[in-house]
C-alpha atoms as a PDB file:
ATOM      1  CA  UNK A   1     -10.026   1.670   6.300  1.00  0.00           C
ATOM      2  CA  UNK A   2     -10.996  -1.840   5.498  1.00  0.00           C
ATOM      3  CA  UNK A   3     -14.299  -3.390   4.480  1.00  0.00           C
ATOM      4  CA  UNK A   4     -17.593  -2.856   6.241  1.00  0.00           C
ATOM      5  CA  UNK A   5     -20.000  -5.785   6.770  1.00  0.00           C
ATOM      6  CA  UNK A   6     -22.319  -4.477   3.988  1.00  0.00           C
ATOM      7  CA  UNK A   7     -19.343  -4.036   1.600  1.00  0.00           C
ATOM      8  CA  UNK A   8     -18.040  -7.481   2.411  1.00  0.00           C
ATOM      9  CA  UNK A   9     -21.493  -8.885   1.665  1.00  0.00           C
ATOM     10  CA  UNK A  10     -21.771  -7.046  -1.567  1.00  0.00           C
ATOM     11  CA  UNK A  11     -18.329  -8.091  -2.771  1.00  0.00           C
ATOM     12  CA  UNK A  12     -19.088 -11.757  -1.842  1.00  0.00           C
ATOM     13  CA  UNK A  13     -22.349 -11.653  -3.816  1.00  0.00           C
ATOM     14  CA  UNK A  14     -20.609 -10.247  -6.823  1.00  0.00           C
ATOM     15  CA  UNK A  15     -17.589 -12.515  -6.928  1.00  0.00           C
ATOM     16  CA  UNK A  16     -18.392 -15.613  -4.813  1.00  0.00           C
ATOM     17  CA  UNK A  17     -15.176 -14.876  -2.790  1.00  0.00           C
ATOM     18  CA  UNK A  18     -14.550 -17.119   0.190  1.00  0.00           C
ATOM     19  CA  UNK A  19     -15.709 -15.015   3.292  1.00  0.00           C
ATOM     20  CA  UNK A  20     -12.532 -16.027   5.199  1.00  0.00           C
ATOM     21  CA  UNK A  21     -10.334 -14.345   2.635  1.00  0.00           C
ATOM     22  CA  UNK A  22     -11.974 -10.951   3.494  1.00  0.00           C
ATOM     23  CA  UNK A  23     -11.684 -11.214   7.249  1.00  0.00           C
ATOM     24  CA  UNK A  24      -8.166  -9.865   7.358  1.00  0.00           C
ATOM     25  CA  UNK A  25      -9.586  -6.539   5.858  1.00  0.00           C
ATOM     26  CA  UNK A  26     -12.126  -6.222   8.622  1.00  0.00           C
ATOM     27  CA  UNK A  27     -13.504  -4.528  10.652  1.00  0.00           C
ATOM     28  CA  UNK A  28     -13.799  -1.212   8.934  1.00  0.00           C
ATOM     29  CA  UNK A  29     -12.906   1.833  11.016  1.00  0.00           C
ATOM     30  CA  UNK A  30     -12.557   5.554  10.603  1.00  0.00           C
ATOM     31  CA  UNK A  31      -9.080   7.032  10.881  1.00  0.00           C
ATOM     32  CA  UNK A  32      -7.751  10.594  10.561  1.00  0.00           C
ATOM     33  CA  UNK A  33      -4.334  11.295   9.028  1.00  0.00           C
ATOM     34  CA  UNK A  34      -1.989  14.204   9.058  1.00  0.00           C
ATOM     35  CA  UNK A  35      -1.308  15.567   5.548  1.00  0.00           C
ATOM     36  CA  UNK A  36       1.379  13.845   3.433  1.00  0.00           C
ATOM     37  CA  UNK A  37       2.644  13.489  -0.035  1.00  0.00           C
ATOM     38  CA  UNK A  38       2.981  10.051  -1.729  1.00  0.00           C
ATOM     39  CA  UNK A  39       5.129   9.343  -4.771  1.00  0.00           C
ATOM     40  CA  UNK A  40       3.001   9.033  -7.905  1.00  0.00           C
ATOM     41  CA  UNK A  41       4.551   5.712  -8.874  1.00  0.00           C
ATOM     42  CA  UNK A  42       6.575   2.950  -7.293  1.00  0.00           C
ATOM     43  CA  UNK A  43      10.355   3.516  -7.254  1.00  0.00           C
ATOM     44  CA  UNK A  44      11.982   2.452 -10.495  1.00  0.00           C
ATOM     45  CA  UNK A  45      15.288   0.752 -11.255  1.00  0.00           C
ATOM     46  CA  UNK A  46      16.425   4.045 -12.690  1.00  0.00           C
ATOM     47  CA  UNK A  47      15.783   5.882  -9.291  1.00  0.00           C
ATOM     48  CA  UNK A  48      17.231   2.967  -7.284  1.00  0.00           C
ATOM     49  CA  UNK A  49      20.400   3.008  -9.480  1.00  0.00           C
ATOM     50  CA  UNK A  50      20.996   6.682  -8.578  1.00  0.00           C
ATOM     51  CA  UNK A  51      20.746   5.665  -4.870  1.00  0.00           C
ATOM     52  CA  UNK A  52      23.180   2.902  -5.244  1.00  0.00           C
ATOM     53  CA  UNK A  53      25.626   5.113  -7.154  1.00  0.00           C
ATOM     54  CA  UNK A  54      25.324   7.730  -4.396  1.00  0.00           C
ATOM     55  CA  UNK A  55      25.991   5.486  -1.319  1.00  0.00           C
ATOM     56  CA  UNK A  56      28.151   2.812  -2.943  1.00  0.00           C
ATOM     57  CA  UNK A  57      27.344   0.237  -0.178  1.00  0.00           C
ATOM     58  CA  UNK A  58      24.115  -0.499  -2.074  1.00  0.00           C
ATOM     59  CA  UNK A  59      23.884  -3.441  -4.418  1.00  0.00           C
ATOM     60  CA  UNK A  60      21.558  -3.291  -7.368  1.00  0.00           C
ATOM     61  CA  UNK A  61      18.784  -6.000  -7.252  1.00  0.00           C
ATOM     62  CA  UNK A  62      19.217  -8.926  -9.529  1.00  0.00           C
ATOM     63  CA  UNK A  63      17.039 -11.838 -10.688  1.00  0.00           C
ATOM     64  CA  UNK A  64      17.057 -14.705  -8.257  1.00  0.00           C
ATOM     65  CA  UNK A  65      14.826 -17.718  -7.415  1.00  0.00           C
ATOM     66  CA  UNK A  66      11.464 -16.343  -6.196  1.00  0.00           C
ATOM     67  CA  UNK A  67       8.379 -18.386  -5.285  1.00  0.00           C
ATOM     68  CA  UNK A  68      10.298 -21.564  -6.310  1.00  0.00           C
ATOM     69  CA  UNK A  69      11.166 -20.405  -9.848  1.00  0.00           C
ATOM     70  CA  UNK A  70      14.114 -18.648 -11.409  1.00  0.00           C
ATOM     71  CA  UNK A  71      12.804 -15.253 -12.601  1.00  0.00           C
ATOM     72  CA  UNK A  72      13.862 -13.162 -15.520  1.00  0.00           C
ATOM     73  CA  UNK A  73      12.301  -9.745 -14.588  1.00  0.00           C
ATOM     74  CA  UNK A  74      12.835  -6.739 -16.860  1.00  0.00           C
ATOM     75  CA  UNK A  75      15.157  -4.336 -14.982  1.00  0.00           C
ATOM     76  CA  UNK A  76      15.027  -1.354 -17.374  1.00  0.00           C
ATOM     77  CA  UNK A  77      15.000   2.208 -15.818  1.00  0.00           C
ATOM     78  CA  UNK A  78      11.265   2.707 -16.220  1.00  0.00           C
ATOM     79  CA  UNK A  79      10.249  -0.544 -14.478  1.00  0.00           C
ATOM     80  CA  UNK A  80       9.501  -0.777 -10.760  1.00  0.00           C
ATOM     81  CA  UNK A  81      12.310  -2.109  -8.709  1.00  0.00           C
ATOM     82  CA  UNK A  82      11.729  -5.486  -7.229  1.00  0.00           C
ATOM     83  CA  UNK A  83      13.793  -8.009  -5.291  1.00  0.00           C
ATOM     84  CA  UNK A  84      14.330  -5.565  -2.406  1.00  0.00           C
ATOM     85  CA  UNK A  85      13.911  -6.385   1.295  1.00  0.00           C
ATOM     86  CA  UNK A  86      11.900  -4.229   3.662  1.00  0.00           C
ATOM     87  CA  UNK A  87      15.266  -2.807   4.949  1.00  0.00           C
ATOM     88  CA  UNK A  88      16.396  -1.984   1.425  1.00  0.00           C
ATOM     89  CA  UNK A  89      13.238   0.017   0.892  1.00  0.00           C
ATOM     90  CA  UNK A  90      13.459   1.700   4.233  1.00  0.00           C
ATOM     91  CA  UNK A  91      17.180   2.625   3.587  1.00  0.00           C
ATOM     92  CA  UNK A  92      16.258   4.183   0.226  1.00  0.00           C
ATOM     93  CA  UNK A  93      13.544   6.287   1.785  1.00  0.00           C
ATOM     94  CA  UNK A  94      15.894   7.542   4.475  1.00  0.00           C
ATOM     95  CA  UNK A  95      18.374   8.578   1.749  1.00  0.00           C
ATOM     96  CA  UNK A  96      15.560  10.340  -0.181  1.00  0.00           C
ATOM     97  CA  UNK A  97      14.426  12.140   3.081  1.00  0.00           C
ATOM     98  CA  UNK A  98      11.240  10.210   3.020  1.00  0.00           C
ATOM     99  CA  UNK A  99       9.764   7.100   4.674  1.00  0.00           C
ATOM    100  CA  UNK A 100       7.743   4.083   3.920  1.00  0.00           C
ATOM    101  CA  UNK A 101       3.992   4.753   4.227  1.00  0.00           C
ATOM    102  CA  UNK A 102       1.892   3.374   7.106  1.00  0.00           C
ATOM    103  CA  UNK A 103      -0.817   1.125   5.631  1.00  0.00           C
ATOM    104  CA  UNK A 104      -3.324   3.778   6.650  1.00  0.00           C
ATOM    105  CA  UNK A 105      -1.508   6.290   4.498  1.00  0.00           C
ATOM    106  CA  UNK A 106      -1.171   3.791   1.662  1.00  0.00           C
ATOM    107  CA  UNK A 107      -4.926   3.028   1.709  1.00  0.00           C
ATOM    108  CA  UNK A 108      -5.838   6.707   1.794  1.00  0.00           C
ATOM    109  CA  UNK A 109      -3.726   7.343  -1.263  1.00  0.00           C
ATOM    110  CA  UNK A 110      -5.267   4.429  -3.039  1.00  0.00           C
ATOM    111  CA  UNK A 111      -8.831   4.871  -2.059  1.00  0.00           C
ATOM    112  CA  UNK A 112      -9.348   8.444  -1.125  1.00  0.00           C
ATOM    113  CA  UNK A 113     -12.373   9.147   1.121  1.00  0.00           C
ATOM    114  CA  UNK A 114     -14.984   7.403  -1.084  1.00  0.00           C
ATOM    115  CA  UNK A 115     -14.703   3.871   0.124  1.00  0.00           C
ATOM    116  CA  UNK A 116     -14.678   2.567  -3.414  1.00  0.00           C
ATOM    117  CA  UNK A 117     -13.546  -1.080  -3.876  1.00  0.00           C
ATOM    118  CA  UNK A 118     -10.752  -0.153  -6.307  1.00  0.00           C
ATOM    119  CA  UNK A 119      -8.626   3.016  -6.919  1.00  0.00           C
ATOM    120  CA  UNK A 120     -10.729   3.834  -9.979  1.00  0.00           C
ATOM    121  CA  UNK A 121     -14.242   2.825  -8.682  1.00  0.00           C
ATOM    122  CA  UNK A 122     -16.389  -0.110  -7.582  1.00  0.00           C
ATOM    123  CA  UNK A 123     -16.223  -2.139 -10.697  1.00  0.00           C
ATOM    124  CA  UNK A 124     -13.313  -4.498 -11.373  1.00  0.00           C
ATOM    125  CA  UNK A 125     -11.664  -3.857 -14.685  1.00  0.00           C
ATOM    126  CA  UNK A 126      -8.683  -5.963 -15.814  1.00  0.00           C
ATOM    127  CA  UNK A 127      -7.703  -3.225 -18.365  1.00  0.00           C
ATOM    128  CA  UNK A 128      -6.735  -0.920 -15.529  1.00  0.00           C
ATOM    129  CA  UNK A 129      -4.257  -3.090 -13.589  1.00  0.00           C
ATOM    130  CA  UNK A 130      -1.456  -5.559 -14.197  1.00  0.00           C
ATOM    131  CA  UNK A 131      -2.479  -8.910 -12.772  1.00  0.00           C
ATOM    132  CA  UNK A 132      -1.905 -12.524 -13.942  1.00  0.00           C
ATOM    133  CA  UNK A 133      -5.605 -12.497 -14.902  1.00  0.00           C
ATOM    134  CA  UNK A 134      -4.257 -10.763 -18.114  1.00  0.00           C
ATOM    135  CA  UNK A 135      -1.536 -13.376 -18.462  1.00  0.00           C
ATOM    136  CA  UNK A 136       1.042 -11.021 -17.012  1.00  0.00           C
ATOM    137  CA  UNK A 137       4.640 -12.237 -17.418  1.00  0.00           C
ATOM    138  CA  UNK A 138       6.041  -9.753 -14.949  1.00  0.00           C
ATOM    139  CA  UNK A 139       6.079  -6.097 -14.020  1.00  0.00           C
ATOM    140  CA  UNK A 140       5.357  -3.304 -16.631  1.00  0.00           C
ATOM    141  CA  UNK A 141       6.704   0.243 -16.671  1.00  0.00           C
ATOM    142  CA  UNK A 142       5.415   2.390 -13.813  1.00  0.00           C
ATOM    143  CA  UNK A 143       3.485   4.754 -16.213  1.00  0.00           C
ATOM    144  CA  UNK A 144       1.386   1.988 -17.621  1.00  0.00           C
ATOM    145  CA  UNK A 145      -2.308   1.498 -16.775  1.00  0.00           C
ATOM    146  CA  UNK A 146      -2.854   5.191 -16.209  1.00  0.00           C
ATOM    147  CA  UNK A 147      -6.655   4.704 -16.416  1.00  0.00           C
ATOM    148  CA  UNK A 148      -6.409   2.893 -13.065  1.00  0.00           C
ATOM    149  CA  UNK A 149      -5.063   5.865 -11.174  1.00  0.00           C
ATOM    150  CA  UNK A 150      -6.303   6.606  -7.689  1.00  0.00           C
ATOM    151  CA  UNK A 151      -8.464   9.656  -6.743  1.00  0.00           C
ATOM    152  CA  UNK A 152      -5.244  11.456  -5.974  1.00  0.00           C
ATOM    153  CA  UNK A 153      -3.553  10.633  -9.228  1.00  0.00           C
ATOM    154  CA  UNK A 154      -1.327   7.867  -7.847  1.00  0.00           C
ATOM    155  CA  UNK A 155      -0.626   5.125 -10.465  1.00  0.00           C
ATOM    156  CA  UNK A 156      -0.604   1.348  -9.961  1.00  0.00           C
ATOM    157  CA  UNK A 157      -2.009   1.297  -6.445  1.00  0.00           C
ATOM    158  CA  UNK A 158      -3.691  -1.893  -7.687  1.00  0.00           C
ATOM    159  CA  UNK A 159      -1.530  -4.421  -9.474  1.00  0.00           C
ATOM    160  CA  UNK A 160       1.952  -4.566 -11.006  1.00  0.00           C
ATOM    161  CA  UNK A 161       3.910  -4.769  -7.758  1.00  0.00           C
ATOM    162  CA  UNK A 162       2.901  -5.100  -4.054  1.00  0.00           C
ATOM    163  CA  UNK A 163       4.426  -2.403  -1.936  1.00  0.00           C
ATOM    164  CA  UNK A 164       6.149  -2.538   1.426  1.00  0.00           C
ATOM    165  CA  UNK A 165       4.663  -0.450   4.268  1.00  0.00           C
ATOM    166  CA  UNK A 166       6.355   0.430   7.411  1.00  0.00           C
ATOM    167  CA  UNK A 167       3.804  -1.360   9.714  1.00  0.00           C
ATOM    168  CA  UNK A 168       4.253  -4.773  11.256  1.00  0.00           C
ATOM    169  CA  UNK A 169       1.362  -7.066  10.296  1.00  0.00           C
ATOM    170  CA  UNK A 170      -1.500  -8.056  12.555  1.00  0.00           C
ATOM    171  CA  UNK A 171      -5.201  -8.380  12.273  1.00  0.00           C
ATOM    172  CA  UNK A 172      -7.107  -5.023  12.729  1.00  0.00           C
ATOM    173  CA  UNK A 173      -7.764  -4.189  16.463  1.00  0.00           C
ATOM    174  CA  UNK A 174      -4.239  -3.391  17.427  1.00  0.00           C
ATOM    175  CA  UNK A 175      -4.608   0.348  17.237  1.00  0.00           C
ATOM    176  CA  UNK A 176      -7.304   1.287  19.715  1.00  0.00           C
ATOM    177  CA  UNK A 177      -5.323   4.168  21.186  1.00  0.00           C
ATOM    178  CA  UNK A 178      -6.420   7.330  19.406  1.00  0.00           C
ATOM    179  CA  UNK A 179      -5.303  10.805  20.456  1.00  0.00           C
ATOM    180  CA  UNK A 180      -2.567  11.401  23.027  1.00  0.00           C
ATOM    181  CA  UNK A 181      -5.161  12.815  25.448  1.00  0.00           C
ATOM    182  CA  UNK A 182      -8.894  13.459  25.652  1.00  0.00           C
ATOM    183  CA  UNK A 183      -8.082  17.168  25.537  1.00  0.00           C
ATOM    184  CA  UNK A 184      -6.362  16.694  22.222  1.00  0.00           C
ATOM    185  CA  UNK A 185      -9.508  14.926  20.983  1.00  0.00           C
ATOM    186  CA  UNK A 186     -11.878  17.611  22.308  1.00  0.00           C
ATOM    187  CA  UNK A 187      -9.857  20.268  20.398  1.00  0.00           C
ATOM    188  CA  UNK A 188     -10.014  18.088  17.229  1.00  0.00           C
ATOM    189  CA  UNK A 189     -13.709  17.597  17.815  1.00  0.00           C
ATOM    190  CA  UNK A 190     -14.411  21.253  17.935  1.00  0.00           C
ATOM    191  CA  UNK A 191     -12.359  21.894  14.879  1.00  0.00           C
ATOM    192  CA  UNK A 192     -14.175  19.170  12.824  1.00  0.00           C
ATOM    193  CA  UNK A 193     -17.620  19.935  14.215  1.00  0.00           C
ATOM    194  CA  UNK A 194     -17.941  16.335  15.533  1.00  0.00           C
ATOM    195  CA  UNK A 195     -21.034  16.169  17.804  1.00  0.00           C
ATOM    196  CA  UNK A 196     -20.936  12.602  19.068  1.00  0.00           C
ATOM    197  CA  UNK A 197     -18.981  12.634  22.356  1.00  0.00           C
ATOM    198  CA  UNK A 198     -18.784   8.876  22.446  1.00  0.00           C
ATOM    199  CA  UNK A 199     -17.048   8.740  19.055  1.00  0.00           C
ATOM    200  CA  UNK A 200     -13.258   8.671  19.420  1.00  0.00           C
ATOM    201  CA  UNK A 201     -11.565   8.178  16.044  1.00  0.00           C
ATOM    202  CA  UNK A 202      -8.129   6.733  15.432  1.00  0.00           C
ATOM    203  CA  UNK A 203      -5.555   9.228  14.407  1.00  0.00           C
ATOM    204  CA  UNK A 204      -2.332   8.379  12.472  1.00  0.00           C
ATOM    205  CA  UNK A 205      -2.545   4.620  13.225  1.00  0.00           C
ATOM    206  CA  UNK A 206       0.675   2.663  13.248  1.00  0.00           C
ATOM    207  CA  UNK A 207       1.227  -1.062  13.181  1.00  0.00           C
ATOM    208  CA  UNK A 208       1.470  -3.273  16.307  1.00  0.00           C
ATOM    209  CA  UNK A 209       4.670  -3.056  18.467  1.00  0.00           C
ATOM    210  CA  UNK A 210       5.219  -6.861  18.235  1.00  0.00           C
ATOM    211  CA  UNK A 211       5.261  -9.216  15.193  1.00  0.00           C
ATOM    212  CA  UNK A 212       7.724 -10.303  12.555  1.00  0.00           C
ATOM    213  CA  UNK A 213       6.048  -9.932   9.089  1.00  0.00           C
ATOM    214  CA  UNK A 214       5.614  -6.472   7.469  1.00  0.00           C
ATOM    215  CA  UNK A 215       2.570  -5.240   5.621  1.00  0.00           C
ATOM    216  CA  UNK A 216       2.420  -5.285   1.887  1.00  0.00           C
ATOM    217  CA  UNK A 217      -0.334  -3.526  -0.054  1.00  0.00           C
ATOM    218  CA  UNK A 218      -1.691  -3.279  -3.540  1.00  0.00           C
ATOM    219  CA  UNK A 219      -1.526  -6.808  -5.042  1.00  0.00           C
ATOM    220  CA  UNK A 220       1.074  -7.783  -7.658  1.00  0.00           C
ATOM    221  CA  UNK A 221       1.320  -9.040 -11.220  1.00  0.00           C
ATOM    222  CA  UNK A 222       1.727 -12.606  -9.773  1.00  0.00           C
ATOM    223  CA  UNK A 223      -1.800 -12.630  -8.232  1.00  0.00           C
ATOM    224  CA  UNK A 224      -4.193 -14.500 -10.450  1.00  0.00           C
ATOM    225  CA  UNK A 225      -7.420 -13.116  -8.860  1.00  0.00           C
ATOM    226  CA  UNK A 226      -6.891  -9.394  -9.363  1.00  0.00           C
ATOM    227  CA  UNK A 227     -10.581  -8.578  -8.461  1.00  0.00           C
ATOM    228  CA  UNK A 228      -9.596  -9.587  -4.888  1.00  0.00           C
ATOM    229  CA  UNK A 229      -5.952  -8.719  -4.670  1.00  0.00           C
ATOM    230  CA  UNK A 230      -6.617  -5.461  -6.456  1.00  0.00           C
ATOM    231  CA  UNK A 231      -8.886  -4.138  -3.708  1.00  0.00           C
ATOM    232  CA  UNK A 232      -7.811  -0.847  -2.386  1.00  0.00           C
ATOM    233  CA  UNK A 233      -8.145  -2.306   1.182  1.00  0.00           C
ATOM    234  CA  UNK A 234      -6.375  -5.564   0.280  1.00  0.00           C
ATOM    235  CA  UNK A 235      -3.730  -6.465   2.932  1.00  0.00           C
ATOM    236  CA  UNK A 236      -0.878  -8.932   2.711  1.00  0.00           C
ATOM    237  CA  UNK A 237       2.240  -9.763   4.733  1.00  0.00           C
ATOM    238  CA  UNK A 238       5.772 -10.789   3.974  1.00  0.00           C
ATOM    239  CA  UNK A 239       8.965 -11.657   5.819  1.00  0.00           C
ATOM    240  CA  UNK A 240      10.935  -8.374   5.817  1.00  0.00           C
ATOM    241  CA  UNK A 241      14.208 -10.241   5.132  1.00  0.00           C
ATOM    242  CA  UNK A 242      12.875 -11.878   1.986  1.00  0.00           C
ATOM    243  CA  UNK A 243      12.866 -10.602  -1.611  1.00  0.00           C
ATOM    244  CA  UNK A 244      10.218 -11.180  -4.133  1.00  0.00           C
ATOM    245  CA  UNK A 245       9.696 -10.786  -7.823  1.00  0.00           C
ATOM    246  CA  UNK A 246       6.517  -8.747  -7.244  1.00  0.00           C
ATOM    247  CA  UNK A 247       7.176  -6.546  -4.247  1.00  0.00           C
ATOM    248  CA  UNK A 248       8.485  -3.049  -4.598  1.00  0.00           C
ATOM    249  CA  UNK A 249       7.755   0.252  -2.679  1.00  0.00           C
ATOM    250  CA  UNK A 250       6.922   3.934  -2.985  1.00  0.00           C
ATOM    251  CA  UNK A 251       7.851   6.549  -0.349  1.00  0.00           C
ATOM    252  CA  UNK A 252       5.733   9.163   1.354  1.00  0.00           C
ATOM    253  CA  UNK A 253       6.920  12.638   2.583  1.00  0.00           C
ATOM    254  CA  UNK A 254       5.423  14.547   5.425  1.00  0.00           C
ATOM    255  CA  UNK A 255       3.464  17.670   4.340  1.00  0.00           C
ATOM    256  CA  UNK A 256       5.166  20.876   5.254  1.00  0.00           C
ATOM    257  CA  UNK A 257       3.017  23.923   4.539  1.00  0.00           C
ATOM    258  CA  UNK A 258       6.022  26.165   4.401  1.00  0.00           C
ATOM    259  CA  UNK A 259       7.069  24.375   1.266  1.00  0.00           C
ATOM    260  CA  UNK A 260       4.008  25.069  -0.687  1.00  0.00           C
END
């Protein structure tokens, strides 16, 4: 996860990006995740409407003032739902028997195991993601920009809408506790053929216990510099009680081998 020093230097040399803007994505670390499924696209208005119809206490999102401006976002069934709080997203996931991804799960789905800068590779391409750099006026349907899919086939992991994650936000370094015991790690080490006894990776990292803001990932149509906000390791934060015209979500489901 994150950017290594060499990757950060390469990205700065290519784009002239302010080094301080990359610091929140560092240091890079190796993590191991249990298997999971992630939705191919963000949740749409059509999907969210079915949820609201089912539980009745739900209220469909509507256009409100966002970022100091009254928005007129398209809310057709094929468009990603926005103007939802973190709790709105979490409640939908609970109803769908799913959950919000950790940011480690989200980045794995966006980046795979290749450490590429973007879901599609190392070169920025504004034809593969919906950012304001293309004079975006708002979100587009969730099936758009299919050429920008991730190594696992997930669409719009870069651009269109940012996505809520379950983690509270903090600089990297909060998750130093790896396995539940050294015996669990030794077993994992034997299974994976890891030889370095000093190397203890992080497994299924979760966000810090304290903090107020929640992690958002992926960059949204409102970001002007997509080459930066479109990075697969890009991290942002947002007040979980606030709604935005460019924040949506996609659930993940734990992998159950018996279901295959």
